[in-house]
Amino acid sequence: MEYQMISTLKKKLKYDIEAAQTNMNAFLSAQPRLIMEVSGDHIDIVKTVDRELEKLAIAEYKLDALRQFEVDHVPDSDREPEQPSKSLFKEDDGDPYKV
């Protein structure tokens, strides 16, 4: 039961991370005029990207906390094997501030 709950939470958080990354990439690469045509409204792209960044940061923080909880409380034999996570940046050179 504990393994299934942790596994489900990890999947949800990984989805949240990927969704925020996808949204950020879409807003950062799209032209504002196209976004306005699709949404029908004027939107504050900086504010929108900032909200997505906040969602990304929260999901990553929670996933790290869940992984630490798992290390501290779940025996090795009961843990799910970890898959490498995708980086928001095309070439991950280890500098999270490089855009």
PDB file of N, CA and C in Angstrom:
ATOM      1  N   MET A   1       0.830  -1.195   0.000  1.00  0.00           N
ATOM      2  CA  MET A   1       0.000   0.000   0.000  1.00  0.00           C
ATOM      3  C   MET A   1       0.878   1.264   0.000  1.00  0.00           C
ATOM      4  N   GLU A   2       1.897   1.270   0.869  1.00  0.00           N
ATOM      5  CA  GLU A   2       2.787   2.433   0.944  1.00  0.00           C
ATOM      6  C   GLU A   2       3.511   2.644  -0.383  1.00  0.00           C
ATOM      7  N   TYR A   3       3.998   1.542  -0.990  1.00  0.00           N
ATOM      8  CA  TYR A   3       4.692   1.626  -2.271  1.00  0.00           C
ATOM      9  C   TYR A   3       3.766   2.200  -3.341  1.00  0.00           C
ATOM     10  N   GLN A   4       2.527   1.719  -3.389  1.00  0.00           N
ATOM     11  CA  GLN A   4       1.584   2.170  -4.408  1.00  0.00           C
ATOM     12  C   GLN A   4       1.277   3.661  -4.248  1.00  0.00           C
ATOM     13  N   MET A   5       1.114   4.112  -3.017  1.00  0.00           N
ATOM     14  CA  MET A   5       0.821   5.518  -2.770  1.00  0.00           C
ATOM     15  C   MET A   5       2.002   6.402  -3.177  1.00  0.00           C
ATOM     16  N   ILE A   6       3.204   5.998  -2.815  1.00  0.00           N
ATOM     17  CA  ILE A   6       4.395   6.770  -3.185  1.00  0.00           C
ATOM     18  C   ILE A   6       4.560   6.779  -4.697  1.00  0.00           C
ATOM     19  N   SER A   7       4.354   5.639  -5.324  1.00  0.00           N
ATOM     20  CA  SER A   7       4.469   5.540  -6.781  1.00  0.00           C
ATOM     21  C   SER A   7       3.451   6.456  -7.471  1.00  0.00           C
ATOM     22  N   THR A   8       2.230   6.468  -6.983  1.00  0.00           N
ATOM     23  CA  THR A   8       1.179   7.314  -7.558  1.00  0.00           C
ATOM     24  C   THR A   8       1.508   8.788  -7.384  1.00  0.00           C
ATOM     25  N   LEU A   9       1.996   9.170  -6.210  1.00  0.00           N
ATOM     26  CA  LEU A   9       2.384  10.563  -5.973  1.00  0.00           C
ATOM     27  C   LEU A   9       3.529  10.978  -6.890  1.00  0.00           C
ATOM     28  N   LYS A  10       4.508  10.085  -7.086  1.00  0.00           N
ATOM     29  CA  LYS A  10       5.620  10.394  -7.987  1.00  0.00           C
ATOM     30  C   LYS A  10       5.112  10.636  -9.408  1.00  0.00           C
ATOM     31  N   LYS A  11       4.225   9.770  -9.874  1.00  0.00           N
ATOM     32  CA  LYS A  11       3.674   9.933 -11.225  1.00  0.00           C
ATOM     33  C   LYS A  11       2.933  11.253 -11.363  1.00  0.00           C
ATOM     34  N   LYS A  12       2.156  11.625 -10.357  1.00  0.00           N
ATOM     35  CA  LYS A  12       1.418  12.883 -10.398  1.00  0.00           C
ATOM     36  C   LYS A  12       2.371  14.072 -10.443  1.00  0.00           C
ATOM     37  N   LEU A  13       3.401  14.039  -9.601  1.00  0.00           N
ATOM     38  CA  LEU A  13       4.357  15.146  -9.566  1.00  0.00           C
ATOM     39  C   LEU A  13       5.175  15.227 -10.853  1.00  0.00           C
ATOM     40  N   LYS A  14       5.538  14.084 -11.416  1.00  0.00           N
ATOM     41  CA  LYS A  14       6.260  14.093 -12.694  1.00  0.00           C
ATOM     42  C   LYS A  14       5.376  14.662 -13.797  1.00  0.00           C
ATOM     43  N   TYR A  15       4.073  14.336 -13.751  1.00  0.00           N
ATOM     44  CA  TYR A  15       3.137  14.921 -14.709  1.00  0.00           C
ATOM     45  C   TYR A  15       3.078  16.440 -14.528  1.00  0.00           C
ATOM     46  N   ASP A  16       2.966  16.890 -13.282  1.00  0.00           N
ATOM     47  CA  ASP A  16       2.910  18.333 -13.005  1.00  0.00           C
ATOM     48  C   ASP A  16       4.163  19.039 -13.535  1.00  0.00           C
ATOM     49  N   ILE A  17       5.319  18.409 -13.361  1.00  0.00           N
ATOM     50  CA  ILE A  17       6.583  18.984 -13.842  1.00  0.00           C
ATOM     51  C   ILE A  17       6.573  19.074 -15.362  1.00  0.00           C
ATOM     52  N   GLU A  18       6.197  17.983 -16.005  1.00  0.00           N
ATOM     53  CA  GLU A  18       6.189  17.975 -17.472  1.00  0.00           C
ATOM     54  C   GLU A  18       5.160  18.952 -18.033  1.00  0.00           C
ATOM     55  N   ALA A  19       4.001  19.062 -17.397  1.00  0.00           N
ATOM     56  CA  ALA A  19       2.978  19.996 -17.863  1.00  0.00           C
ATOM     57  C   ALA A  19       3.468  21.438 -17.750  1.00  0.00           C
ATOM     58  N   ALA A  20       4.094  21.778 -16.630  1.00  0.00           N
ATOM     59  CA  ALA A  20       4.609  23.137 -16.446  1.00  0.00           C
ATOM     60  C   ALA A  20       5.716  23.429 -17.456  1.00  0.00           C
ATOM     61  N   GLN A  21       6.599  22.465 -17.695  1.00  0.00           N
ATOM     62  CA  GLN A  21       7.672  22.648 -18.679  1.00  0.00           C
ATOM     63  C   GLN A  21       7.099  22.855 -20.076  1.00  0.00           C
ATOM     64  N   THR A  22       6.108  22.054 -20.428  1.00  0.00           N
ATOM     65  CA  THR A  22       5.474  22.173 -21.743  1.00  0.00           C
ATOM     66  C   THR A  22       4.817  23.536 -21.902  1.00  0.00           C
ATOM     67  N   ASN A  23       4.100  23.966 -20.893  1.00  0.00           N
ATOM     68  CA  ASN A  23       3.447  25.276 -20.949  1.00  0.00           C
ATOM     69  C   ASN A  23       4.469  26.400 -21.059  1.00  0.00           C
ATOM     70  N   MET A  24       5.541  26.313 -20.279  1.00  0.00           N
ATOM     71  CA  MET A  24       6.572  27.354 -20.342  1.00  0.00           C
ATOM     72  C   MET A  24       7.210  27.398 -21.720  1.00  0.00           C
ATOM     73  N   ASN A  25       7.542  26.241 -22.261  1.00  0.00           N
ATOM     74  CA  ASN A  25       8.139  26.188 -23.593  1.00  0.00           C
ATOM     75  C   ASN A  25       7.190  26.762 -24.633  1.00  0.00           C
ATOM     76  N   ALA A  26       5.907  26.450 -24.517  1.00  0.00           N
ATOM     77  CA  ALA A  26       4.928  26.965 -25.478  1.00  0.00           C
ATOM     78  C   ALA A  26       4.844  28.480 -25.405  1.00  0.00           C
ATOM     79  N   PHE A  27       4.772  29.022 -24.204  1.00  0.00           N
ATOM     80  CA  PHE A  27       4.673  30.481 -24.059  1.00  0.00           C
ATOM     81  C   PHE A  27       5.960  31.186 -24.456  1.00  0.00           C
ATOM     82  N   LEU A  28       7.100  30.576 -24.146  1.00  0.00           N
ATOM     83  CA  LEU A  28       8.372  31.214 -24.461  1.00  0.00           C
ATOM     84  C   LEU A  28       8.697  31.166 -25.947  1.00  0.00           C
ATOM     85  N   SER A  29       8.179  30.167 -26.649  1.00  0.00           N
ATOM     86  CA  SER A  29       8.497  30.053 -28.071  1.00  0.00           C
ATOM     87  C   SER A  29       7.419  30.643 -28.979  1.00  0.00           C
ATOM     88  N   ALA A  30       6.222  30.856 -28.461  1.00  0.00           N
ATOM     89  CA  ALA A  30       5.116  31.375 -29.279  1.00  0.00           C
ATOM     90  C   ALA A  30       5.199  32.890 -29.407  1.00  0.00           C
ATOM     91  N   GLN A  31       4.643  33.374 -30.477  1.00  0.00           N
ATOM     92  CA  GLN A  31       4.565  34.817 -30.655  1.00  0.00           C
ATOM     93  C   GLN A  31       3.327  35.327 -29.928  1.00  0.00           C
ATOM     94  N   PRO A  32       3.425  36.472 -29.261  1.00  0.00           N
ATOM     95  CA  PRO A  32       2.293  36.986 -28.488  1.00  0.00           C
ATOM     96  C   PRO A  32       1.007  37.121 -29.315  1.00  0.00           C
ATOM     97  N   ARG A  33       1.126  37.500 -30.578  1.00  0.00           N
ATOM     98  CA  ARG A  33      -0.065  37.670 -31.408  1.00  0.00           C
ATOM     99  C   ARG A  33      -0.810  36.348 -31.569  1.00  0.00           C
ATOM    100  N   LEU A  34      -0.069  35.262 -31.777  1.00  0.00           N
ATOM    101  CA  LEU A  34      -0.675  33.951 -31.917  1.00  0.00           C
ATOM    102  C   LEU A  34      -1.387  33.540 -30.638  1.00  0.00           C
ATOM    103  N   ILE A  35      -0.771  33.804 -29.504  1.00  0.00           N
ATOM    104  CA  ILE A  35      -1.388  33.464 -28.218  1.00  0.00           C
ATOM    105  C   ILE A  35      -2.689  34.234 -28.044  1.00  0.00           C
ATOM    106  N   MET A  36      -2.686  35.509 -28.403  1.00  0.00           N
ATOM    107  CA  MET A  36      -3.898  36.324 -28.276  1.00  0.00           C
ATOM    108  C   MET A  36      -4.997  35.805 -29.193  1.00  0.00           C
ATOM    109  N   GLU A  37      -4.634  35.360 -30.403  1.00  0.00           N
ATOM    110  CA  GLU A  37      -5.632  34.834 -31.328  1.00  0.00           C
ATOM    111  C   GLU A  37      -6.264  33.562 -30.772  1.00  0.00           C
ATOM    112  N   VAL A  38      -5.467  32.719 -30.164  1.00  0.00           N
ATOM    113  CA  VAL A  38      -5.973  31.464 -29.618  1.00  0.00           C
ATOM    114  C   VAL A  38      -6.819  31.715 -28.378  1.00  0.00           C
ATOM    115  N   SER A  39      -6.339  32.570 -27.484  1.00  0.00           N
ATOM    116  CA  SER A  39      -7.049  32.788 -26.222  1.00  0.00           C
ATOM    117  C   SER A  39      -8.155  33.821 -26.336  1.00  0.00           C
ATOM    118  N   GLY A  40      -8.047  34.732 -27.300  1.00  0.00           N
ATOM    119  CA  GLY A  40      -9.052  35.773 -27.451  1.00  0.00           C
ATOM    120  C   GLY A  40      -8.884  36.928 -26.490  1.00  0.00           C
ATOM    121  N   ASP A  41      -7.907  36.867 -25.649  1.00  0.00           N
ATOM    122  CA  ASP A  41      -7.682  37.908 -24.645  1.00  0.00           C
ATOM    123  C   ASP A  41      -6.232  38.365 -24.696  1.00  0.00           C
ATOM    124  N   HIS A  42      -6.009  39.530 -24.138  1.00  0.00           N
ATOM    125  CA  HIS A  42      -4.636  39.948 -23.886  1.00  0.00           C
ATOM    126  C   HIS A  42      -4.188  39.234 -22.629  1.00  0.00           C
ATOM    127  N   ILE A  43      -3.025  38.637 -22.685  1.00  0.00           N
ATOM    128  CA  ILE A  43      -2.518  37.977 -21.492  1.00  0.00           C
ATOM    129  C   ILE A  43      -1.145  38.530 -21.173  1.00  0.00           C
ATOM    130  N   ASP A  44      -0.832  38.507 -19.912  1.00  0.00           N
ATOM    131  CA  ASP A  44       0.487  38.923 -19.451  1.00  0.00           C
ATOM    132  C   ASP A  44       1.383  37.693 -19.498  1.00  0.00           C
ATOM    133  N   ILE A  45       2.188  37.596 -20.564  1.00  0.00           N
ATOM    134  CA  ILE A  45       3.004  36.404 -20.772  1.00  0.00           C
ATOM    135  C   ILE A  45       4.003  36.207 -19.642  1.00  0.00           C
ATOM    136  N   VAL A  46       4.601  37.293 -19.177  1.00  0.00           N
ATOM    137  CA  VAL A  46       5.580  37.171 -18.087  1.00  0.00           C
ATOM    138  C   VAL A  46       4.904  36.611 -16.840  1.00  0.00           C
ATOM    139  N   LYS A  47       3.740  37.118 -16.522  1.00  0.00           N
ATOM    140  CA  LYS A  47       3.014  36.626 -15.340  1.00  0.00           C
ATOM    141  C   LYS A  47       2.615  35.162 -15.529  1.00  0.00           C
ATOM    142  N   THR A  48       2.194  34.821 -16.723  1.00  0.00           N
ATOM    143  CA  THR A  48       1.783  33.451 -17.009  1.00  0.00           C
ATOM    144  C   THR A  48       2.962  32.492 -16.894  1.00  0.00           C
ATOM    145  N   VAL A  49       4.103  32.866 -17.471  1.00  0.00           N
ATOM    146  CA  VAL A  49       5.292  32.024 -17.375  1.00  0.00           C
ATOM    147  C   VAL A  49       5.755  31.933 -15.923  1.00  0.00           C
ATOM    148  N   ASP A  50       5.649  33.032 -15.182  1.00  0.00           N
ATOM    149  CA  ASP A  50       6.022  33.023 -13.770  1.00  0.00           C
ATOM    150  C   ASP A  50       5.147  32.052 -12.985  1.00  0.00           C
ATOM    151  N   ARG A  51       3.859  32.011 -13.279  1.00  0.00           N
ATOM    152  CA  ARG A  51       2.965  31.057 -12.599  1.00  0.00           C
ATOM    153  C   ARG A  51       3.357  29.619 -12.929  1.00  0.00           C
ATOM    154  N   GLU A  52       3.701  29.379 -14.192  1.00  0.00           N
ATOM    155  CA  GLU A  52       4.118  28.031 -14.578  1.00  0.00           C
ATOM    156  C   GLU A  52       5.443  27.665 -13.903  1.00  0.00           C
ATOM    157  N   LEU A  53       6.338  28.629 -13.797  1.00  0.00           N
ATOM    158  CA  LEU A  53       7.606  28.401 -13.113  1.00  0.00           C
ATOM    159  C   LEU A  53       7.367  28.060 -11.643  1.00  0.00           C
ATOM    160  N   GLU A  54       6.418  28.737 -11.034  1.00  0.00           N
ATOM    161  CA  GLU A  54       6.077  28.440  -9.640  1.00  0.00           C
ATOM    162  C   GLU A  54       5.531  27.015  -9.516  1.00  0.00           C
ATOM    163  N   LYS A  55       4.657  26.619 -10.436  1.00  0.00           N
ATOM    164  CA  LYS A  55       4.130  25.253 -10.426  1.00  0.00           C
ATOM    165  C   LYS A  55       5.266  24.241 -10.586  1.00  0.00           C
ATOM    166  N   LEU A  56       6.195  24.541 -11.494  1.00  0.00           N
ATOM    167  CA  LEU A  56       7.336  23.665 -11.730  1.00  0.00           C
ATOM    168  C   LEU A  56       8.187  23.531 -10.471  1.00  0.00           C
ATOM    169  N   ALA A  57       8.499  24.654  -9.850  1.00  0.00           N
ATOM    170  CA  ALA A  57       9.341  24.647  -8.648  1.00  0.00           C
ATOM    171  C   ALA A  57       8.678  23.876  -7.507  1.00  0.00           C
ATOM    172  N   ILE A  58       7.391  24.077  -7.330  1.00  0.00           N
ATOM    173  CA  ILE A  58       6.670  23.384  -6.255  1.00  0.00           C
ATOM    174  C   ILE A  58       6.661  21.878  -6.498  1.00  0.00           C
ATOM    175  N   ALA A  59       6.366  21.477  -7.741  1.00  0.00           N
ATOM    176  CA  ALA A  59       6.320  20.044  -8.052  1.00  0.00           C
ATOM    177  C   ALA A  59       7.701  19.404  -7.886  1.00  0.00           C
ATOM    178  N   GLU A  60       8.764  20.098  -8.335  1.00  0.00           N
ATOM    179  CA  GLU A  60      10.117  19.559  -8.173  1.00  0.00           C
ATOM    180  C   GLU A  60      10.494  19.454  -6.705  1.00  0.00           C
ATOM    181  N   TYR A  61      10.136  20.466  -5.924  1.00  0.00           N
ATOM    182  CA  TYR A  61      10.422  20.449  -4.486  1.00  0.00           C
ATOM    183  C   TYR A  61       9.696  19.276  -3.817  1.00  0.00           C
ATOM    184  N   LYS A  62       8.430  19.100  -4.150  1.00  0.00           N
ATOM    185  CA  LYS A  62       7.653  18.005  -3.561  1.00  0.00           C
ATOM    186  C   LYS A  62       8.212  16.646  -3.967  1.00  0.00           C
ATOM    187  N   LEU A  63       8.614  16.519  -5.228  1.00  0.00           N
ATOM    188  CA  LEU A  63       9.173  15.253  -5.691  1.00  0.00           C
ATOM    189  C   LEU A  63      10.479  14.947  -4.953  1.00  0.00           C
ATOM    190  N   ASP A  64      11.323  15.947  -4.775  1.00  0.00           N
ATOM    191  CA  ASP A  64      12.556  15.750  -4.005  1.00  0.00           C
ATOM    192  C   ASP A  64      12.251  15.344  -2.563  1.00  0.00           C
ATOM    193  N   ALA A  65      11.271  15.993  -1.959  1.00  0.00           N
ATOM    194  CA  ALA A  65      10.893  15.668  -0.581  1.00  0.00           C
ATOM    195  C   ALA A  65      10.338  14.250  -0.493  1.00  0.00           C
ATOM    196  N   LEU A  66       9.540  13.856  -1.476  1.00  0.00           N
ATOM    197  CA  LEU A  66       8.981  12.503  -1.487  1.00  0.00           C
ATOM    198  C   LEU A  66      10.090  11.467  -1.659  1.00  0.00           C
ATOM    199  N   ARG A  67      11.047  11.755  -2.524  1.00  0.00           N
ATOM    200  CA  ARG A  67      12.176  10.834  -2.711  1.00  0.00           C
ATOM    201  C   ARG A  67      12.981  10.700  -1.412  1.00  0.00           C
ATOM    202  N   GLN A  68      13.181  11.815  -0.713  1.00  0.00           N
ATOM    203  CA  GLN A  68      13.912  11.764   0.553  1.00  0.00           C
ATOM    204  C   GLN A  68      13.128  10.971   1.592  1.00  0.00           C
ATOM    205  N   PHE A  69      11.812  11.175   1.625  1.00  0.00           N
ATOM    206  CA  PHE A  69      10.963  10.405   2.535  1.00  0.00           C
ATOM    207  C   PHE A  69      11.103   8.910   2.241  1.00  0.00           C
ATOM    208  N   GLU A  70      11.103   8.584   0.960  1.00  0.00           N
ATOM    209  CA  GLU A  70      11.213   7.183   0.557  1.00  0.00           C
ATOM    210  C   GLU A  70      12.550   6.598   1.008  1.00  0.00           C
ATOM    211  N   VAL A  71      13.639   7.343   0.840  1.00  0.00           N
ATOM    212  CA  VAL A  71      14.964   6.877   1.269  1.00  0.00           C
ATOM    213  C   VAL A  71      14.975   6.642   2.774  1.00  0.00           C
ATOM    214  N   ASP A  72      14.346   7.546   3.515  1.00  0.00           N
ATOM    215  CA  ASP A  72      14.372   7.466   4.981  1.00  0.00           C
ATOM    216  C   ASP A  72      13.427   6.413   5.557  1.00  0.00           C
ATOM    217  N   HIS A  73      12.328   6.100   4.849  1.00  0.00           N
ATOM    218  CA  HIS A  73      11.281   5.287   5.458  1.00  0.00           C
ATOM    219  C   HIS A  73      10.918   3.992   4.735  1.00  0.00           C
ATOM    220  N   VAL A  74      11.337   3.831   3.504  1.00  0.00           N
ATOM    221  CA  VAL A  74      10.952   2.637   2.749  1.00  0.00           C
ATOM    222  C   VAL A  74      12.190   1.773   2.504  1.00  0.00           C
ATOM    223  N   PRO A  75      12.111   0.489   2.845  1.00  0.00           N
ATOM    224  CA  PRO A  75      13.266  -0.389   2.605  1.00  0.00           C
ATOM    225  C   PRO A  75      13.639  -0.427   1.121  1.00  0.00           C
ATOM    226  N   ASP A  76      14.930  -0.598   0.838  1.00  0.00           N
ATOM    227  CA  ASP A  76      15.420  -0.620  -0.547  1.00  0.00           C
ATOM    228  C   ASP A  76      14.659  -1.610  -1.418  1.00  0.00           C
ATOM    229  N   SER A  77      14.346  -2.752  -0.865  1.00  0.00           N
ATOM    230  CA  SER A  77      13.685  -3.801  -1.650  1.00  0.00           C
ATOM    231  C   SER A  77      12.261  -3.418  -2.062  1.00  0.00           C
ATOM    232  N   ASP A  78      11.663  -2.462  -1.370  1.00  0.00           N
ATOM    233  CA  ASP A  78      10.288  -2.060  -1.675  1.00  0.00           C
ATOM    234  C   ASP A  78      10.199  -0.819  -2.561  1.00  0.00           C
ATOM    235  N   ARG A  79      11.346  -0.251  -2.936  1.00  0.00           N
ATOM    236  CA  ARG A  79      11.338   0.989  -3.712  1.00  0.00           C
ATOM    237  C   ARG A  79      11.189   0.736  -5.199  1.00  0.00           C
ATOM    238  N   GLU A  80      10.560   1.692  -5.848  1.00  0.00           N
ATOM    239  CA  GLU A  80      10.422   1.671  -7.303  1.00  0.00           C
ATOM    240  C   GLU A  80      11.735   2.137  -7.926  1.00  0.00           C
ATOM    241  N   PRO A  81      12.216   1.491  -8.992  1.00  0.00           N
ATOM    242  CA  PRO A  81      13.433   1.987  -9.649  1.00  0.00           C
ATOM    243  C   PRO A  81      13.194   3.366 -10.248  1.00  0.00           C
ATOM    244  N   GLU A  82      14.152   4.269 -10.076  1.00  0.00           N
ATOM    245  CA  GLU A  82      14.023   5.647 -10.565  1.00  0.00           C
ATOM    246  C   GLU A  82      14.377   5.747 -12.043  1.00  0.00           C
ATOM    247  N   GLN A  83      13.594   6.536 -12.765  1.00  0.00           N
ATOM    248  CA  GLN A  83      13.884   6.869 -14.154  1.00  0.00           C
ATOM    249  C   GLN A  83      14.467   8.277 -14.162  1.00  0.00           C
ATOM    250  N   PRO A  84      15.449   8.549 -15.030  1.00  0.00           N
ATOM    251  CA  PRO A  84      15.993   9.912 -15.082  1.00  0.00           C
ATOM    252  C   PRO A  84      14.923  10.897 -15.522  1.00  0.00           C
ATOM    253  N   SER A  85      14.919  12.071 -14.910  1.00  0.00           N
ATOM    254  CA  SER A  85      13.938  13.084 -15.279  1.00  0.00           C
ATOM    255  C   SER A  85      14.473  13.914 -16.433  1.00  0.00           C
ATOM    256  N   LYS A  86      13.546  14.486 -17.194  1.00  0.00           N
ATOM    257  CA  LYS A  86      13.914  15.317 -18.338  1.00  0.00           C
ATOM    258  C   LYS A  86      14.232  16.724 -17.855  1.00  0.00           C
ATOM    259  N   SER A  87      15.201  17.318 -18.494  1.00  0.00           N
ATOM    260  CA  SER A  87      15.574  18.686 -18.157  1.00  0.00           C
ATOM    261  C   SER A  87      14.736  19.656 -18.975  1.00  0.00           C
ATOM    262  N   LEU A  88      14.431  20.806 -18.401  1.00  0.00           N
ATOM    263  CA  LEU A  88      13.715  21.861 -19.097  1.00  0.00           C
ATOM    264  C   LEU A  88      14.563  22.404 -20.232  1.00  0.00           C
ATOM    265  N   PHE A  89      15.876  22.314 -20.068  1.00  0.00           N
ATOM    266  CA  PHE A  89      16.787  22.880 -21.046  1.00  0.00           C
ATOM    267  C   PHE A  89      17.225  21.797 -22.025  1.00  0.00           C
ATOM    268  N   LYS A  90      17.388  22.178 -23.287  1.00  0.00           N
ATOM    269  CA  LYS A  90      17.744  21.213 -24.325  1.00  0.00           C
ATOM    270  C   LYS A  90      19.094  20.560 -24.044  1.00  0.00           C
ATOM    271  N   GLU A  91      20.064  21.330 -23.669  1.00  0.00           N
ATOM    272  CA  GLU A  91      21.371  20.794 -23.310  1.00  0.00           C
ATOM    273  C   GLU A  91      21.602  21.104 -21.842  1.00  0.00           C
ATOM    274  N   ASP A  92      21.585  20.089 -21.034  1.00  0.00           N
ATOM    275  CA  ASP A  92      21.748  20.283 -19.596  1.00  0.00           C
ATOM    276  C   ASP A  92      23.229  20.289 -19.268  1.00  0.00           C
ATOM    277  N   ASP A  93      23.778  21.504 -19.092  1.00  0.00           N
ATOM    278  CA  ASP A  93      25.193  21.630 -18.775  1.00  0.00           C
ATOM    279  C   ASP A  93      25.411  21.810 -17.268  1.00  0.00           C
ATOM    280  N   GLY A  94      24.349  21.578 -16.499  1.00  0.00           N
ATOM    281  CA  GLY A  94      24.460  21.691 -15.057  1.00  0.00           C
ATOM    282  C   GLY A  94      24.192  23.079 -14.522  1.00  0.00           C
ATOM    283  N   ASP A  95      23.999  24.064 -15.396  1.00  0.00           N
ATOM    284  CA  ASP A  95      23.722  25.427 -14.957  1.00  0.00           C
ATOM    285  C   ASP A  95      22.232  25.693 -15.075  1.00  0.00           C
ATOM    286  N   PRO A  96      21.479  25.604 -13.954  1.00  0.00           N
ATOM    287  CA  PRO A  96      20.026  25.770 -14.030  1.00  0.00           C
ATOM    288  C   PRO A  96      19.600  27.207 -14.357  1.00  0.00           C
ATOM    289  N   TYR A  97      20.537  28.162 -14.324  1.00  0.00           N
ATOM    290  CA  TYR A  97      20.170  29.553 -14.573  1.00  0.00           C
ATOM    291  C   TYR A  97      20.449  29.965 -16.006  1.00  0.00           C
ATOM    292  N   LYS A  98      21.097  29.094 -16.758  1.00  0.00           N
ATOM    293  CA  LYS A  98      21.405  29.402 -18.153  1.00  0.00           C
ATOM    294  C   LYS A  98      20.149  29.210 -18.981  1.00  0.00           C
ATOM    295  N   VAL A  99      19.833  30.194 -19.798  1.00  0.00           N
ATOM    296  CA  VAL A  99      18.636  30.089 -20.639  1.00  0.00           C
ATOM    297  C   VAL A  99      19.037  30.100 -22.095  1.00  0.00           C
TER     298      VAL A  99
END
